[in-house]
Amino acid sequence: DMGACAILPRIIGQGRAAELLYLGRSMSAEEGLNWGFFNRVVEPD
């Protein structure tokens, strides 16, 4: 949807993108940081 199969694998890799797109599960902030989706994880303030 909206380019997810083209863009998401380029950010986090094909296997990880497939996991999220097939399972529909949430990616935690820690996973997102380790997988390269997030550039930084910081406290809310």
ModelCIF file with pLDDT and N, C-alpha, C, O atoms, coordinates in Angstrom:
data_MODEL
#
_entry.id   MODEL 
#
_entity.id                         1 
_entity.type                       polymer 
_entity.pdbx_number_of_molecules   1 
#
_entity_poly.entity_id                      1 
_entity_poly.type                           'polypeptide(L)' 
_entity_poly.nstd_linkage                   no 
_entity_poly.nstd_monomer                   no 
_entity_poly.pdbx_seq_one_letter_code       DMGACAILPRIIGQGRAAELLYLGRSMSAEEGLNWGFFNRVVEPD 
_entity_poly.pdbx_seq_one_letter_code_can   DMGACAILPRIIGQGRAAELLYLGRSMSAEEGLNWGFFNRVVEPD 
_entity_poly.pdbx_strand_id                 A 
#
loop_
_entity_poly_seq.entity_id 
_entity_poly_seq.num 
_entity_poly_seq.mon_id 
_entity_poly_seq.hetero 
1 1  ASP n 
1 2  MET n 
1 3  GLY n 
1 4  ALA n 
1 5  CYS n 
1 6  ALA n 
1 7  ILE n 
1 8  LEU n 
1 9  PRO n 
1 10 ARG n 
1 11 ILE n 
1 12 ILE n 
1 13 GLY n 
1 14 GLN n 
1 15 GLY n 
1 16 ARG n 
1 17 ALA n 
1 18 ALA n 
1 19 GLU n 
1 20 LEU n 
1 21 LEU n 
1 22 TYR n 
1 23 LEU n 
1 24 GLY n 
1 25 ARG n 
1 26 SER n 
1 27 MET n 
1 28 SER n 
1 29 ALA n 
1 30 GLU n 
1 31 GLU n 
1 32 GLY n 
1 33 LEU n 
1 34 ASN n 
1 35 TRP n 
1 36 GLY n 
1 37 PHE n 
1 38 PHE n 
1 39 ASN n 
1 40 ARG n 
1 41 VAL n 
1 42 VAL n 
1 43 GLU n 
1 44 PRO n 
1 45 ASP n 
#
_struct_asym.id          A 
_struct_asym.entity_id   1 
#
loop_
_ma_qa_metric.id 
_ma_qa_metric.mode 
_ma_qa_metric.name 
_ma_qa_metric.software_group_id 
_ma_qa_metric.type 
1 global pLDDT . pLDDT 
2 local  pLDDT . pLDDT 
#
_ma_qa_metric_global.metric_id      1 
_ma_qa_metric_global.metric_value   96.91 
_ma_qa_metric_global.model_id       1 
_ma_qa_metric_global.ordinal_id     1 
#
loop_
_ma_qa_metric_local.label_asym_id 
_ma_qa_metric_local.label_comp_id 
_ma_qa_metric_local.label_seq_id 
_ma_qa_metric_local.metric_id 
_ma_qa_metric_local.metric_value 
_ma_qa_metric_local.model_id 
_ma_qa_metric_local.ordinal_id 
A ASP 1  2 93.00 1 1  
A MET 2  2 95.00 1 2  
A GLY 3  2 95.00 1 3  
A ALA 4  2 96.00 1 4  
A CYS 5  2 96.00 1 5  
A ALA 6  2 95.00 1 6  
A ILE 7  2 96.00 1 7  
A LEU 8  2 97.00 1 8  
A PRO 9  2 97.00 1 9  
A ARG 10 2 96.00 1 10 
A ILE 11 2 97.00 1 11 
A ILE 12 2 98.00 1 12 
A GLY 13 2 97.00 1 13 
A GLN 14 2 97.00 1 14 
A GLY 15 2 97.00 1 15 
A ARG 16 2 97.00 1 16 
A ALA 17 2 97.00 1 17 
A ALA 18 2 97.00 1 18 
A GLU 19 2 97.00 1 19 
A LEU 20 2 97.00 1 20 
A LEU 21 2 97.00 1 21 
A TYR 22 2 96.00 1 22 
A LEU 23 2 96.00 1 23 
A GLY 24 2 94.00 1 24 
A ARG 25 2 95.00 1 25 
A SER 26 2 96.00 1 26 
A MET 27 2 98.00 1 27 
A SER 28 2 98.00 1 28 
A ALA 29 2 98.00 1 29 
A GLU 30 2 98.00 1 30 
A GLU 31 2 98.00 1 31 
A GLY 32 2 98.00 1 32 
A LEU 33 2 98.00 1 33 
A ASN 34 2 98.00 1 34 
A TRP 35 2 98.00 1 35 
A GLY 36 2 98.00 1 36 
A PHE 37 2 98.00 1 37 
A PHE 38 2 98.00 1 38 
A ASN 39 2 98.00 1 39 
A ARG 40 2 98.00 1 40 
A VAL 41 2 98.00 1 41 
A VAL 42 2 98.00 1 42 
A GLU 43 2 98.00 1 43 
A PRO 44 2 97.00 1 44 
A ASP 45 2 97.00 1 45 
#
loop_
_atom_site.group_PDB 
_atom_site.id 
_atom_site.type_symbol 
_atom_site.label_atom_id 
_atom_site.label_alt_id 
_atom_site.label_comp_id 
_atom_site.label_asym_id 
_atom_site.label_entity_id 
_atom_site.label_seq_id 
_atom_site.pdbx_PDB_ins_code 
_atom_site.Cartn_x 
_atom_site.Cartn_y 
_atom_site.Cartn_z 
_atom_site.occupancy 
_atom_site.B_iso_or_equiv 
_atom_site.pdbx_formal_charge 
_atom_site.auth_seq_id 
_atom_site.auth_comp_id 
_atom_site.auth_asym_id 
_atom_site.auth_atom_id 
_atom_site.pdbx_PDB_model_num 
ATOM 1   N N  . ASP A 1 1  ? 0.835  -1.194  0.000  1.00 93.00 ? 1  ASP A N  1 
ATOM 2   C CA . ASP A 1 1  ? 0.000  0.000   0.000  1.00 93.00 ? 1  ASP A CA 1 
ATOM 3   C C  . ASP A 1 1  ? 0.872  1.247   0.000  1.00 93.00 ? 1  ASP A C  1 
ATOM 4   O O  . ASP A 1 1  ? 1.793  1.366   0.808  1.00 93.00 ? 1  ASP A O  1 
ATOM 5   N N  . MET A 1 2  ? 0.584  2.170   -0.900 1.00 95.00 ? 2  MET A N  1 
ATOM 6   C CA . MET A 1 2  ? 1.241  3.486   -0.934 1.00 95.00 ? 2  MET A CA 1 
ATOM 7   C C  . MET A 1 2  ? 2.761  3.370   -1.060 1.00 95.00 ? 2  MET A C  1 
ATOM 8   O O  . MET A 1 2  ? 3.496  4.206   -0.533 1.00 95.00 ? 2  MET A O  1 
ATOM 9   N N  . GLY A 1 3  ? 3.229  2.335   -1.757 1.00 95.00 ? 3  GLY A N  1 
ATOM 10  C CA . GLY A 1 3  ? 4.666  2.190   -1.987 1.00 95.00 ? 3  GLY A CA 1 
ATOM 11  C C  . GLY A 1 3  ? 5.412  1.407   -0.933 1.00 95.00 ? 3  GLY A C  1 
ATOM 12  O O  . GLY A 1 3  ? 6.643  1.384   -0.951 1.00 95.00 ? 3  GLY A O  1 
ATOM 13  N N  . ALA A 1 4  ? 4.704  0.755   -0.004 1.00 96.00 ? 4  ALA A N  1 
ATOM 14  C CA . ALA A 1 4  ? 5.376  0.076   1.100  1.00 96.00 ? 4  ALA A CA 1 
ATOM 15  C C  . ALA A 1 4  ? 6.314  -1.024  0.624  1.00 96.00 ? 4  ALA A C  1 
ATOM 16  O O  . ALA A 1 4  ? 7.405  -1.182  1.173  1.00 96.00 ? 4  ALA A O  1 
ATOM 17  N N  . CYS A 1 5  ? 5.910  -1.786  -0.388 1.00 96.00 ? 5  CYS A N  1 
ATOM 18  C CA . CYS A 1 5  ? 6.756  -2.895  -0.846 1.00 96.00 ? 5  CYS A CA 1 
ATOM 19  C C  . CYS A 1 5  ? 7.971  -2.410  -1.621 1.00 96.00 ? 5  CYS A C  1 
ATOM 20  O O  . CYS A 1 5  ? 8.919  -3.170  -1.815 1.00 96.00 ? 5  CYS A O  1 
ATOM 21  N N  . ALA A 1 6  ? 7.960  -1.173  -2.061 1.00 95.00 ? 6  ALA A N  1 
ATOM 22  C CA . ALA A 1 6  ? 9.124  -0.605  -2.750 1.00 95.00 ? 6  ALA A CA 1 
ATOM 23  C C  . ALA A 1 6  ? 10.058 0.114   -1.786 1.00 95.00 ? 6  ALA A C  1 
ATOM 24  O O  . ALA A 1 6  ? 11.278 -0.004  -1.894 1.00 95.00 ? 6  ALA A O  1 
ATOM 25  N N  . ILE A 1 7  ? 9.482  0.862   -0.837 1.00 96.00 ? 7  ILE A N  1 
ATOM 26  C CA . ILE A 1 7  ? 10.295 1.741   0.006  1.00 96.00 ? 7  ILE A CA 1 
ATOM 27  C C  . ILE A 1 7  ? 10.772 1.055   1.275  1.00 96.00 ? 7  ILE A C  1 
ATOM 28  O O  . ILE A 1 7  ? 11.948 1.155   1.623  1.00 96.00 ? 7  ILE A O  1 
ATOM 29  N N  . LEU A 1 8  ? 9.876  0.355   1.976  1.00 97.00 ? 8  LEU A N  1 
ATOM 30  C CA . LEU A 1 8  ? 10.241 -0.215  3.269  1.00 97.00 ? 8  LEU A CA 1 
ATOM 31  C C  . LEU A 1 8  ? 11.428 -1.175  3.193  1.00 97.00 ? 8  LEU A C  1 
ATOM 32  O O  . LEU A 1 8  ? 12.308 -1.093  4.049  1.00 97.00 ? 8  LEU A O  1 
ATOM 33  N N  . PRO A 1 9  ? 11.502 -2.096  2.198  1.00 97.00 ? 9  PRO A N  1 
ATOM 34  C CA . PRO A 1 9  ? 12.679 -2.972  2.131  1.00 97.00 ? 9  PRO A CA 1 
ATOM 35  C C  . PRO A 1 9  ? 13.980 -2.218  1.933  1.00 97.00 ? 9  PRO A C  1 
ATOM 36  O O  . PRO A 1 9  ? 15.034 -2.688  2.363  1.00 97.00 ? 9  PRO A O  1 
ATOM 37  N N  . ARG A 1 10 ? 13.929 -1.065  1.296  1.00 96.00 ? 10 ARG A N  1 
ATOM 38  C CA . ARG A 1 10 ? 15.146 -0.273  1.093  1.00 96.00 ? 10 ARG A CA 1 
ATOM 39  C C  . ARG A 1 10 ? 15.636 0.351   2.395  1.00 96.00 ? 10 ARG A C  1 
ATOM 40  O O  . ARG A 1 10 ? 16.814 0.683   2.528  1.00 96.00 ? 10 ARG A O  1 
ATOM 41  N N  . ILE A 1 11 ? 14.728 0.508   3.353  1.00 97.00 ? 11 ILE A N  1 
ATOM 42  C CA . ILE A 1 11 ? 15.098 1.105   4.634  1.00 97.00 ? 11 ILE A CA 1 
ATOM 43  C C  . ILE A 1 11 ? 15.553 0.038   5.621  1.00 97.00 ? 11 ILE A C  1 
ATOM 44  O O  . ILE A 1 11 ? 16.582 0.196   6.277  1.00 97.00 ? 11 ILE A O  1 
ATOM 45  N N  . ILE A 1 12 ? 14.789 -1.047  5.730  1.00 98.00 ? 12 ILE A N  1 
ATOM 46  C CA . ILE A 1 12 ? 15.073 -2.025  6.787  1.00 98.00 ? 12 ILE A CA 1 
ATOM 47  C C  . ILE A 1 12 ? 15.460 -3.404  6.259  1.00 98.00 ? 12 ILE A C  1 
ATOM 48  O O  . ILE A 1 12 ? 15.778 -4.291  7.052  1.00 98.00 ? 12 ILE A O  1 
ATOM 49  N N  . GLY A 1 13 ? 15.441 -3.608  4.941  1.00 97.00 ? 13 GLY A N  1 
ATOM 50  C CA . GLY A 1 13 ? 15.776 -4.905  4.386  1.00 97.00 ? 13 GLY A CA 1 
ATOM 51  C C  . GLY A 1 13 ? 14.536 -5.708  4.022  1.00 97.00 ? 13 GLY A C  1 
ATOM 52  O O  . GLY A 1 13 ? 13.463 -5.522  4.597  1.00 97.00 ? 13 GLY A O  1 
ATOM 53  N N  . GLN A 1 14 ? 14.706 -6.605  3.053  1.00 97.00 ? 14 GLN A N  1 
ATOM 54  C CA . GLN A 1 14 ? 13.583 -7.362  2.512  1.00 97.00 ? 14 GLN A CA 1 
ATOM 55  C C  . GLN A 1 14 ? 12.927 -8.262  3.555  1.00 97.00 ? 14 GLN A C  1 
ATOM 56  O O  . GLN A 1 14 ? 11.702 -8.276  3.674  1.00 97.00 ? 14 GLN A O  1 
ATOM 57  N N  . GLY A 1 15 ? 13.731 -9.016  4.313  1.00 97.00 ? 15 GLY A N  1 
ATOM 58  C CA . GLY A 1 15 ? 13.166 -9.957  5.273  1.00 97.00 ? 15 GLY A CA 1 
ATOM 59  C C  . GLY A 1 15 ? 12.405 -9.272  6.382  1.00 97.00 ? 15 GLY A C  1 
ATOM 60  O O  . GLY A 1 15 ? 11.322 -9.717  6.763  1.00 97.00 ? 15 GLY A O  1 
ATOM 61  N N  . ARG A 1 16 ? 12.961 -8.192  6.906  1.00 97.00 ? 16 ARG A N  1 
ATOM 62  C CA . ARG A 1 16 ? 12.282 -7.476  7.980  1.00 97.00 ? 16 ARG A CA 1 
ATOM 63  C C  . ARG A 1 16 ? 11.007 -6.814  7.479  1.00 97.00 ? 16 ARG A C  1 
ATOM 64  O O  . ARG A 1 16 ? 9.982  -6.818  8.161  1.00 97.00 ? 16 ARG A O  1 
ATOM 65  N N  . ALA A 1 17 ? 11.082 -6.244  6.277  1.00 97.00 ? 17 ALA A N  1 
ATOM 66  C CA . ALA A 1 17 ? 9.885  -5.632  5.699  1.00 97.00 ? 17 ALA A CA 1 
ATOM 67  C C  . ALA A 1 17 ? 8.807  -6.693  5.487  1.00 97.00 ? 17 ALA A C  1 
ATOM 68  O O  . ALA A 1 17 ? 7.632  -6.449  5.761  1.00 97.00 ? 17 ALA A O  1 
ATOM 69  N N  . ALA A 1 18 ? 9.200  -7.863  5.002  1.00 97.00 ? 18 ALA A N  1 
ATOM 70  C CA . ALA A 1 18 ? 8.231  -8.934  4.780  1.00 97.00 ? 18 ALA A CA 1 
ATOM 71  C C  . ALA A 1 18 ? 7.550  -9.335  6.090  1.00 97.00 ? 18 ALA A C  1 
ATOM 72  O O  . ALA A 1 18 ? 6.345  -9.581  6.121  1.00 97.00 ? 18 ALA A O  1 
ATOM 73  N N  . GLU A 1 19 ? 8.329  -9.398  7.168  1.00 97.00 ? 19 GLU A N  1 
ATOM 74  C CA . GLU A 1 19 ? 7.752  -9.750  8.463  1.00 97.00 ? 19 GLU A CA 1 
ATOM 75  C C  . GLU A 1 19 ? 6.674  -8.754  8.873  1.00 97.00 ? 19 GLU A C  1 
ATOM 76  O O  . GLU A 1 19 ? 5.583  -9.148  9.286  1.00 97.00 ? 19 GLU A O  1 
ATOM 77  N N  . LEU A 1 20 ? 6.976  -7.474  8.760  1.00 97.00 ? 20 LEU A N  1 
ATOM 78  C CA . LEU A 1 20 ? 6.007  -6.456  9.166  1.00 97.00 ? 20 LEU A CA 1 
ATOM 79  C C  . LEU A 1 20 ? 4.786  -6.441  8.257  1.00 97.00 ? 20 LEU A C  1 
ATOM 80  O O  . LEU A 1 20 ? 3.663  -6.262  8.728  1.00 97.00 ? 20 LEU A O  1 
ATOM 81  N N  . LEU A 1 21 ? 5.001  -6.631  6.942  1.00 97.00 ? 21 LEU A N  1 
ATOM 82  C CA . LEU A 1 21 ? 3.892  -6.535  5.997  1.00 97.00 ? 21 LEU A CA 1 
ATOM 83  C C  . LEU A 1 21 ? 3.010  -7.781  6.004  1.00 97.00 ? 21 LEU A C  1 
ATOM 84  O O  . LEU A 1 21 ? 1.803  -7.679  5.785  1.00 97.00 ? 21 LEU A O  1 
ATOM 85  N N  . TYR A 1 22 ? 3.589  -8.948  6.250  1.00 96.00 ? 22 TYR A N  1 
ATOM 86  C CA . TYR A 1 22 ? 2.791  -10.172 6.324  1.00 96.00 ? 22 TYR A CA 1 
ATOM 87  C C  . TYR A 1 22 ? 2.051  -10.310 7.656  1.00 96.00 ? 22 TYR A C  1 
ATOM 88  O O  . TYR A 1 22 ? 0.901  -10.747 7.695  1.00 96.00 ? 22 TYR A O  1 
ATOM 89  N N  . LEU A 1 23 ? 2.725  -9.934  8.744  1.00 96.00 ? 23 LEU A N  1 
ATOM 90  C CA . LEU A 1 23 ? 2.134  -10.129 10.069 1.00 96.00 ? 23 LEU A CA 1 
ATOM 91  C C  . LEU A 1 23 ? 1.304  -8.937  10.530 1.00 96.00 ? 23 LEU A C  1 
ATOM 92  O O  . LEU A 1 23 ? 0.389  -9.089  11.339 1.00 96.00 ? 23 LEU A O  1 
ATOM 93  N N  . GLY A 1 24 ? 1.620  -7.763  10.019 1.00 94.00 ? 24 GLY A N  1 
ATOM 94  C CA . GLY A 1 24 ? 0.898  -6.573  10.448 1.00 94.00 ? 24 GLY A CA 1 
ATOM 95  C C  . GLY A 1 24 ? 1.169  -6.187  11.885 1.00 94.00 ? 24 GLY A C  1 
ATOM 96  O O  . GLY A 1 24 ? 0.419  -5.407  12.472 1.00 94.00 ? 24 GLY A O  1 
ATOM 97  N N  . ARG A 1 25 ? 2.237  -6.727  12.461 1.00 95.00 ? 25 ARG A N  1 
ATOM 98  C CA . ARG A 1 25 ? 2.524  -6.449  13.874 1.00 95.00 ? 25 ARG A CA 1 
ATOM 99  C C  . ARG A 1 25 ? 3.229  -5.108  14.039 1.00 95.00 ? 25 ARG A C  1 
ATOM 100 O O  . ARG A 1 25 ? 3.739  -4.533  13.077 1.00 95.00 ? 25 ARG A O  1 
ATOM 101 N N  . SER A 1 26 ? 3.247  -4.626  15.268 1.00 96.00 ? 26 SER A N  1 
ATOM 102 C CA . SER A 1 26 ? 3.912  -3.363  15.564 1.00 96.00 ? 26 SER A CA 1 
ATOM 103 C C  . SER A 1 26 ? 5.427  -3.552  15.651 1.00 96.00 ? 26 SER A C  1 
ATOM 104 O O  . SER A 1 26 ? 5.914  -4.541  16.198 1.00 96.00 ? 26 SER A O  1 
ATOM 105 N N  . MET A 1 27 ? 6.142  -2.603  15.114 1.00 98.00 ? 27 MET A N  1 
ATOM 106 C CA . MET A 1 27 ? 7.592  -2.524  15.275 1.00 98.00 ? 27 MET A CA 1 
ATOM 107 C C  . MET A 1 27 ? 7.878  -1.570  16.430 1.00 98.00 ? 27 MET A C  1 
ATOM 108 O O  . MET A 1 27 ? 7.462  -0.412  16.400 1.00 98.00 ? 27 MET A O  1 
ATOM 109 N N  . SER A 1 28 ? 8.581  -2.048  17.438 1.00 98.00 ? 28 SER A N  1 
ATOM 110 C CA . SER A 1 28 ? 8.900  -1.200  18.584 1.00 98.00 ? 28 SER A CA 1 
ATOM 111 C C  . SER A 1 28 ? 9.921  -0.146  18.191 1.00 98.00 ? 28 SER A C  1 
ATOM 112 O O  . SER A 1 28 ? 10.570 -0.249  17.150 1.00 98.00 ? 28 SER A O  1 
ATOM 113 N N  . ALA A 1 29 ? 10.054 0.860   19.028 1.00 98.00 ? 29 ALA A N  1 
ATOM 114 C CA . ALA A 1 29 ? 11.049 1.901   18.773 1.00 98.00 ? 29 ALA A CA 1 
ATOM 115 C C  . ALA A 1 29 ? 12.454 1.309   18.767 1.00 98.00 ? 29 ALA A C  1 
ATOM 116 O O  . ALA A 1 29 ? 13.288 1.696   17.949 1.00 98.00 ? 29 ALA A O  1 
ATOM 117 N N  . GLU A 1 30 ? 12.722 0.368   19.679 1.00 98.00 ? 30 GLU A N  1 
ATOM 118 C CA . GLU A 1 30 ? 14.047 -0.252  19.739 1.00 98.00 ? 30 GLU A CA 1 
ATOM 119 C C  . GLU A 1 30 ? 14.339 -1.039  18.469 1.00 98.00 ? 30 GLU A C  1 
ATOM 120 O O  . GLU A 1 30 ? 15.437 -0.957  17.919 1.00 98.00 ? 30 GLU A O  1 
ATOM 121 N N  . GLU A 1 31 ? 13.341 -1.810  18.001 1.00 98.00 ? 31 GLU A N  1 
ATOM 122 C CA . GLU A 1 31 ? 13.517 -2.526  16.735 1.00 98.00 ? 31 GLU A CA 1 
ATOM 123 C C  . GLU A 1 31 ? 13.752 -1.537  15.597 1.00 98.00 ? 31 GLU A C  1 
ATOM 124 O O  . GLU A 1 31 ? 14.648 -1.727  14.774 1.00 98.00 ? 31 GLU A O  1 
ATOM 125 N N  . GLY A 1 32 ? 12.945 -0.489  15.557 1.00 98.00 ? 32 GLY A N  1 
ATOM 126 C CA . GLY A 1 32 ? 13.071 0.495   14.496 1.00 98.00 ? 32 GLY A CA 1 
ATOM 127 C C  . GLY A 1 32 ? 14.439 1.138   14.456 1.00 98.00 ? 32 GLY A C  1 
ATOM 128 O O  . GLY A 1 32 ? 14.970 1.418   13.381 1.00 98.00 ? 32 GLY A O  1 
ATOM 129 N N  . LEU A 1 33 ? 15.017 1.376   15.635 1.00 98.00 ? 33 LEU A N  1 
ATOM 130 C CA . LEU A 1 33 ? 16.358 1.951   15.698 1.00 98.00 ? 33 LEU A CA 1 
ATOM 131 C C  . LEU A 1 33 ? 17.393 0.932   15.226 1.00 98.00 ? 33 LEU A C  1 
ATOM 132 O O  . LEU A 1 33 ? 18.270 1.260   14.427 1.00 98.00 ? 33 LEU A O  1 
ATOM 133 N N  . ASN A 1 34 ? 17.291 -0.300  15.719 1.00 98.00 ? 34 ASN A N  1 
ATOM 134 C CA . ASN A 1 34 ? 18.258 -1.335  15.347 1.00 98.00 ? 34 ASN A CA 1 
ATOM 135 C C  . ASN A 1 34 ? 18.180 -1.700  13.867 1.00 98.00 ? 34 ASN A C  1 
ATOM 136 O O  . ASN A 1 34 ? 19.182 -2.070  13.255 1.00 98.00 ? 34 ASN A O  1 
ATOM 137 N N  . TRP A 1 35 ? 16.977 -1.592  13.301 1.00 98.00 ? 35 TRP A N  1 
ATOM 138 C CA . TRP A 1 35 ? 16.782 -1.967  11.901 1.00 98.00 ? 35 TRP A CA 1 
ATOM 139 C C  . TRP A 1 35 ? 17.060 -0.814  10.934 1.00 98.00 ? 35 TRP A C  1 
ATOM 140 O O  . TRP A 1 35 ? 17.047 -1.014  9.719  1.00 98.00 ? 35 TRP A O  1 
ATOM 141 N N  . GLY A 1 36 ? 17.309 0.375   11.451 1.00 98.00 ? 36 GLY A N  1 
ATOM 142 C CA . GLY A 1 36 ? 17.600 1.509   10.587 1.00 98.00 ? 36 GLY A CA 1 
ATOM 143 C C  . GLY A 1 36 ? 16.387 2.311   10.158 1.00 98.00 ? 36 GLY A C  1 
ATOM 144 O O  . GLY A 1 36 ? 16.509 3.223   9.340  1.00 98.00 ? 36 GLY A O  1 
ATOM 145 N N  . PHE A 1 37 ? 15.210 1.987   10.698 1.00 98.00 ? 37 PHE A N  1 
ATOM 146 C CA . PHE A 1 37 ? 14.023 2.779   10.360 1.00 98.00 ? 37 PHE A CA 1 
ATOM 147 C C  . PHE A 1 37 ? 14.095 4.133   11.041 1.00 98.00 ? 37 PHE A C  1 
ATOM 148 O O  . PHE A 1 37 ? 13.808 5.160   10.427 1.00 98.00 ? 37 PHE A O  1 
ATOM 149 N N  . PHE A 1 38 ? 14.481 4.136   12.317 1.00 98.00 ? 38 PHE A N  1 
ATOM 150 C CA . PHE A 1 38 ? 14.625 5.390   13.050 1.00 98.00 ? 38 PHE A CA 1 
ATOM 151 C C  . PHE A 1 38 ? 16.089 5.809   13.104 1.00 98.00 ? 38 PHE A C  1 
ATOM 152 O O  . PHE A 1 38 ? 16.985 4.986   13.288 1.00 98.00 ? 38 PHE A O  1 
ATOM 153 N N  . ASN A 1 39 ? 16.308 7.109   12.939 1.00 98.00 ? 39 ASN A N  1 
ATOM 154 C CA . ASN A 1 39 ? 17.657 7.661   13.077 1.00 98.00 ? 39 ASN A CA 1 
ATOM 155 C C  . ASN A 1 39 ? 18.034 7.886   14.534 1.00 98.00 ? 39 ASN A C  1 
ATOM 156 O O  . ASN A 1 39 ? 19.202 7.772   14.909 1.00 98.00 ? 39 ASN A O  1 
ATOM 157 N N  . ARG A 1 40 ? 17.032 8.207   15.355 1.00 98.00 ? 40 ARG A N  1 
ATOM 158 C CA . ARG A 1 40 ? 17.250 8.430   16.784 1.00 98.00 ? 40 ARG A CA 1 
ATOM 159 C C  . ARG A 1 40 ? 16.014 7.967   17.547 1.00 98.00 ? 40 ARG A C  1 
ATOM 160 O O  . ARG A 1 40 ? 14.895 8.035   17.038 1.00 98.00 ? 40 ARG A O  1 
ATOM 161 N N  . VAL A 1 41 ? 16.228 7.495   18.770 1.00 98.00 ? 41 VAL A N  1 
ATOM 162 C CA . VAL A 1 41 ? 15.137 7.285   19.722 1.00 98.00 ? 41 VAL A CA 1 
ATOM 163 C C  . VAL A 1 41 ? 15.479 8.101   20.959 1.00 98.00 ? 41 VAL A C  1 
ATOM 164 O O  . VAL A 1 41 ? 16.532 7.902   21.565 1.00 98.00 ? 41 VAL A O  1 
ATOM 165 N N  . VAL A 1 42 ? 14.597 9.013   21.334 1.00 98.00 ? 42 VAL A N  1 
ATOM 166 C CA . VAL A 1 42 ? 14.862 9.954   22.427 1.00 98.00 ? 42 VAL A CA 1 
ATOM 167 C C  . VAL A 1 42 ? 13.657 9.989   23.365 1.00 98.00 ? 42 VAL A C  1 
ATOM 168 O O  . VAL A 1 42 ? 12.573 9.521   23.015 1.00 98.00 ? 42 VAL A O  1 
ATOM 169 N N  . GLU A 1 43 ? 13.852 10.537  24.531 1.00 98.00 ? 43 GLU A N  1 
ATOM 170 C CA . GLU A 1 43 ? 12.752 10.681  25.476 1.00 98.00 ? 43 GLU A CA 1 
ATOM 171 C C  . GLU A 1 43 ? 11.710 11.671  24.939 1.00 98.00 ? 43 GLU A C  1 
ATOM 172 O O  . GLU A 1 43 ? 12.039 12.551  24.143 1.00 98.00 ? 43 GLU A O  1 
ATOM 173 N N  . PRO A 1 44 ? 10.463 11.525  25.371 1.00 97.00 ? 44 PRO A N  1 
ATOM 174 C CA . PRO A 1 44 ? 9.398  12.366  24.820 1.00 97.00 ? 44 PRO A CA 1 
ATOM 175 C C  . PRO A 1 44 ? 9.674  13.863  24.871 1.00 97.00 ? 44 PRO A C  1 
ATOM 176 O O  . PRO A 1 44 ? 9.343  14.592  23.936 1.00 97.00 ? 44 PRO A O  1 
ATOM 177 N N  . ASP A 1 45 ? 10.288 14.325  25.977 1.00 97.00 ? 45 ASP A N  1 
ATOM 178 C CA . ASP A 1 45 ? 10.521 15.762  26.082 1.00 97.00 ? 45 ASP A CA 1 
ATOM 179 C C  . ASP A 1 45 ? 11.642 16.249  25.161 1.00 97.00 ? 45 ASP A C  1 
ATOM 180 O O  . ASP A 1 45 ? 11.951 17.441  25.142 1.00 97.00 ? 45 ASP A O  1 
#
